[in-house]
């Protein structure tokens, strides 16, 4: 099993145990690949739910640039909903899991089609 496959399995387990959802493994794999080398870097592989500049980066670089969504209050509300689902007290929010949940939240699975 490759390092990436191990990480995808870990992300699927996080979705199940911390978020109460069963992962669409095909979509999770595509989202993980889309994160690029960031998944192998301890700092870059996680998202801080309390750091506003980090959340702005998620909004600008992922939701607007990658998913093609228009900026607005709905994006902030979506990010907040995902962070809440993942657990605000959970310190390790994996970037791939957050991006996966945002993709599902906004119904943009077709971006990875």
C-alpha atoms as a PDB file:
ATOM      1  CA  UNK A   1       0.000   0.000   0.000  1.00  0.00           C
ATOM      2  CA  UNK A   2       1.444   3.357  -1.012  1.00  0.00           C
ATOM      3  CA  UNK A   3       1.761   6.290   1.375  1.00  0.00           C
ATOM      4  CA  UNK A   4      -1.083   8.059  -0.471  1.00  0.00           C
ATOM      5  CA  UNK A   5      -3.333   4.985  -0.149  1.00  0.00           C
ATOM      6  CA  UNK A   6      -2.578   4.864   3.586  1.00  0.00           C
ATOM      7  CA  UNK A   7      -3.527   8.529   3.922  1.00  0.00           C
ATOM      8  CA  UNK A   8      -6.760   8.033   1.953  1.00  0.00           C
ATOM      9  CA  UNK A   9      -7.683   5.159   4.295  1.00  0.00           C
ATOM     10  CA  UNK A  10      -6.944   7.430   7.280  1.00  0.00           C
ATOM     11  CA  UNK A  11      -9.118  10.187   5.788  1.00  0.00           C
ATOM     12  CA  UNK A  12     -11.988   7.739   5.193  1.00  0.00           C
ATOM     13  CA  UNK A  13     -11.739   6.623   8.827  1.00  0.00           C
ATOM     14  CA  UNK A  14     -11.802  10.278   9.975  1.00  0.00           C
ATOM     15  CA  UNK A  15     -14.948  10.890   7.914  1.00  0.00           C
ATOM     16  CA  UNK A  16     -16.594   7.846   9.498  1.00  0.00           C
ATOM     17  CA  UNK A  17     -15.503   8.271  13.114  1.00  0.00           C
ATOM     18  CA  UNK A  18     -15.441  12.069  13.493  1.00  0.00           C
ATOM     19  CA  UNK A  19     -18.002  13.234  10.934  1.00  0.00           C
ATOM     20  CA  UNK A  20     -20.425  10.308  10.879  1.00  0.00           C
ATOM     21  CA  UNK A  21     -20.335   9.895   7.099  1.00  0.00           C
ATOM     22  CA  UNK A  22     -19.314   7.096   4.795  1.00  0.00           C
ATOM     23  CA  UNK A  23     -16.805   8.268   2.223  1.00  0.00           C
ATOM     24  CA  UNK A  24     -17.322   8.027  -1.520  1.00  0.00           C
ATOM     25  CA  UNK A  25     -13.870   6.478  -1.986  1.00  0.00           C
ATOM     26  CA  UNK A  26     -13.589   7.489  -5.648  1.00  0.00           C
ATOM     27  CA  UNK A  27     -14.296  11.146  -4.846  1.00  0.00           C
ATOM     28  CA  UNK A  28     -12.102  11.082  -1.724  1.00  0.00           C
ATOM     29  CA  UNK A  29      -9.224   9.693  -3.804  1.00  0.00           C
ATOM     30  CA  UNK A  30      -9.637  12.413  -6.445  1.00  0.00           C
ATOM     31  CA  UNK A  31      -9.846  15.183  -3.820  1.00  0.00           C
ATOM     32  CA  UNK A  32      -6.734  13.802  -2.086  1.00  0.00           C
ATOM     33  CA  UNK A  33      -4.796  13.693  -5.370  1.00  0.00           C
ATOM     34  CA  UNK A  34      -5.983  17.254  -6.031  1.00  0.00           C
ATOM     35  CA  UNK A  35      -4.327  18.387  -2.782  1.00  0.00           C
ATOM     36  CA  UNK A  36      -0.970  17.452  -4.300  1.00  0.00           C
ATOM     37  CA  UNK A  37       2.137  17.220  -2.134  1.00  0.00           C
ATOM     38  CA  UNK A  38       0.460  19.156   0.715  1.00  0.00           C
ATOM     39  CA  UNK A  39      -0.901  15.877   2.121  1.00  0.00           C
ATOM     40  CA  UNK A  40       2.651  14.752   2.959  1.00  0.00           C
ATOM     41  CA  UNK A  41       3.544  17.912   4.915  1.00  0.00           C
ATOM     42  CA  UNK A  42       2.449  17.910   8.566  1.00  0.00           C
ATOM     43  CA  UNK A  43       1.511  21.588   8.611  1.00  0.00           C
ATOM     44  CA  UNK A  44       0.000  21.849   5.130  1.00  0.00           C
ATOM     45  CA  UNK A  45      -1.991  18.615   5.446  1.00  0.00           C
ATOM     46  CA  UNK A  46      -4.265  20.104   8.119  1.00  0.00           C
ATOM     47  CA  UNK A  47      -6.620  23.071   8.296  1.00  0.00           C
ATOM     48  CA  UNK A  48      -6.893  25.265  11.381  1.00  0.00           C
ATOM     49  CA  UNK A  49     -10.560  25.916  12.031  1.00  0.00           C
ATOM     50  CA  UNK A  50      -9.742  28.938  14.195  1.00  0.00           C
ATOM     51  CA  UNK A  51      -7.201  30.732  11.967  1.00  0.00           C
ATOM     52  CA  UNK A  52      -9.124  33.227   9.813  1.00  0.00           C
ATOM     53  CA  UNK A  53      -6.288  33.595   7.278  1.00  0.00           C
ATOM     54  CA  UNK A  54      -6.275  29.792   6.850  1.00  0.00           C
ATOM     55  CA  UNK A  55     -10.035  29.745   6.320  1.00  0.00           C
ATOM     56  CA  UNK A  56      -9.716  32.600   3.804  1.00  0.00           C
ATOM     57  CA  UNK A  57      -7.129  30.543   1.918  1.00  0.00           C
ATOM     58  CA  UNK A  58      -9.524  27.576   1.818  1.00  0.00           C
ATOM     59  CA  UNK A  59     -12.257  29.864   0.516  1.00  0.00           C
ATOM     60  CA  UNK A  60     -10.139  31.618  -2.124  1.00  0.00           C
ATOM     61  CA  UNK A  61      -7.915  28.787  -3.341  1.00  0.00           C
ATOM     62  CA  UNK A  62     -10.344  25.896  -3.092  1.00  0.00           C
ATOM     63  CA  UNK A  63     -13.952  27.079  -3.191  1.00  0.00           C
ATOM     64  CA  UNK A  64     -13.496  29.978  -5.612  1.00  0.00           C
ATOM     65  CA  UNK A  65     -10.542  28.879  -7.782  1.00  0.00           C
ATOM     66  CA  UNK A  66     -10.942  25.088  -7.758  1.00  0.00           C
ATOM     67  CA  UNK A  67     -14.711  24.613  -7.432  1.00  0.00           C
ATOM     68  CA  UNK A  68     -15.586  27.793  -9.342  1.00  0.00           C
ATOM     69  CA  UNK A  69     -17.991  29.170  -6.746  1.00  0.00           C
ATOM     70  CA  UNK A  70     -18.802  32.870  -6.420  1.00  0.00           C
ATOM     71  CA  UNK A  71     -17.636  34.665  -3.300  1.00  0.00           C
ATOM     72  CA  UNK A  72     -20.334  35.384  -0.756  1.00  0.00           C
ATOM     73  CA  UNK A  73     -21.703  34.645   2.688  1.00  0.00           C
ATOM     74  CA  UNK A  74     -22.721  31.133   1.587  1.00  0.00           C
ATOM     75  CA  UNK A  75     -19.059  30.141   1.272  1.00  0.00           C
ATOM     76  CA  UNK A  76     -18.259  31.222   4.831  1.00  0.00           C
ATOM     77  CA  UNK A  77     -21.392  29.452   6.066  1.00  0.00           C
ATOM     78  CA  UNK A  78     -20.360  26.281   4.214  1.00  0.00           C
ATOM     79  CA  UNK A  79     -16.857  26.355   5.685  1.00  0.00           C
ATOM     80  CA  UNK A  80     -18.322  26.918   9.166  1.00  0.00           C
ATOM     81  CA  UNK A  81     -20.759  24.006   8.701  1.00  0.00           C
ATOM     82  CA  UNK A  82     -17.926  21.679   7.653  1.00  0.00           C
ATOM     83  CA  UNK A  83     -15.654  22.766  10.540  1.00  0.00           C
ATOM     84  CA  UNK A  84     -18.561  22.253  12.963  1.00  0.00           C
ATOM     85  CA  UNK A  85     -19.317  18.789  11.533  1.00  0.00           C
ATOM     86  CA  UNK A  86     -15.636  17.820  11.757  1.00  0.00           C
ATOM     87  CA  UNK A  87     -15.604  19.033  15.368  1.00  0.00           C
ATOM     88  CA  UNK A  88     -14.323  22.447  16.400  1.00  0.00           C
ATOM     89  CA  UNK A  89     -12.412  20.861  19.290  1.00  0.00           C
ATOM     90  CA  UNK A  90     -10.721  18.356  16.958  1.00  0.00           C
ATOM     91  CA  UNK A  91      -7.244  19.808  16.423  1.00  0.00           C
ATOM     92  CA  UNK A  92      -6.278  17.732  13.372  1.00  0.00           C
ATOM     93  CA  UNK A  93      -8.658  18.575  10.571  1.00  0.00           C
ATOM     94  CA  UNK A  94      -7.148  16.996   7.487  1.00  0.00           C
ATOM     95  CA  UNK A  95      -7.186  19.270   4.446  1.00  0.00           C
ATOM     96  CA  UNK A  96      -8.341  16.449   2.140  1.00  0.00           C
ATOM     97  CA  UNK A  97     -11.269  15.656   4.465  1.00  0.00           C
ATOM     98  CA  UNK A  98     -12.286  19.328   4.720  1.00  0.00           C
ATOM     99  CA  UNK A  99     -12.072  19.705   0.924  1.00  0.00           C
ATOM    100  CA  UNK A 100     -14.050  16.472   0.424  1.00  0.00           C
ATOM    101  CA  UNK A 101     -16.822  17.676   2.753  1.00  0.00           C
ATOM    102  CA  UNK A 102     -16.882  21.113   1.096  1.00  0.00           C
ATOM    103  CA  UNK A 103     -17.154  19.466  -2.327  1.00  0.00           C
ATOM    104  CA  UNK A 104     -20.127  17.418  -1.088  1.00  0.00           C
ATOM    105  CA  UNK A 105     -21.662  20.385   0.761  1.00  0.00           C
ATOM    106  CA  UNK A 106     -21.724  22.530  -2.376  1.00  0.00           C
ATOM    107  CA  UNK A 107     -22.662  19.639  -4.713  1.00  0.00           C
ATOM    108  CA  UNK A 108     -19.560  20.157  -6.863  1.00  0.00           C
ATOM    109  CA  UNK A 109     -18.558  16.509  -7.290  1.00  0.00           C
ATOM    110  CA  UNK A 110     -18.642  17.079 -11.073  1.00  0.00           C
ATOM    111  CA  UNK A 111     -15.405  19.132 -10.762  1.00  0.00           C
ATOM    112  CA  UNK A 112     -13.663  15.822 -10.038  1.00  0.00           C
ATOM    113  CA  UNK A 113     -15.600  13.901 -12.726  1.00  0.00           C
END
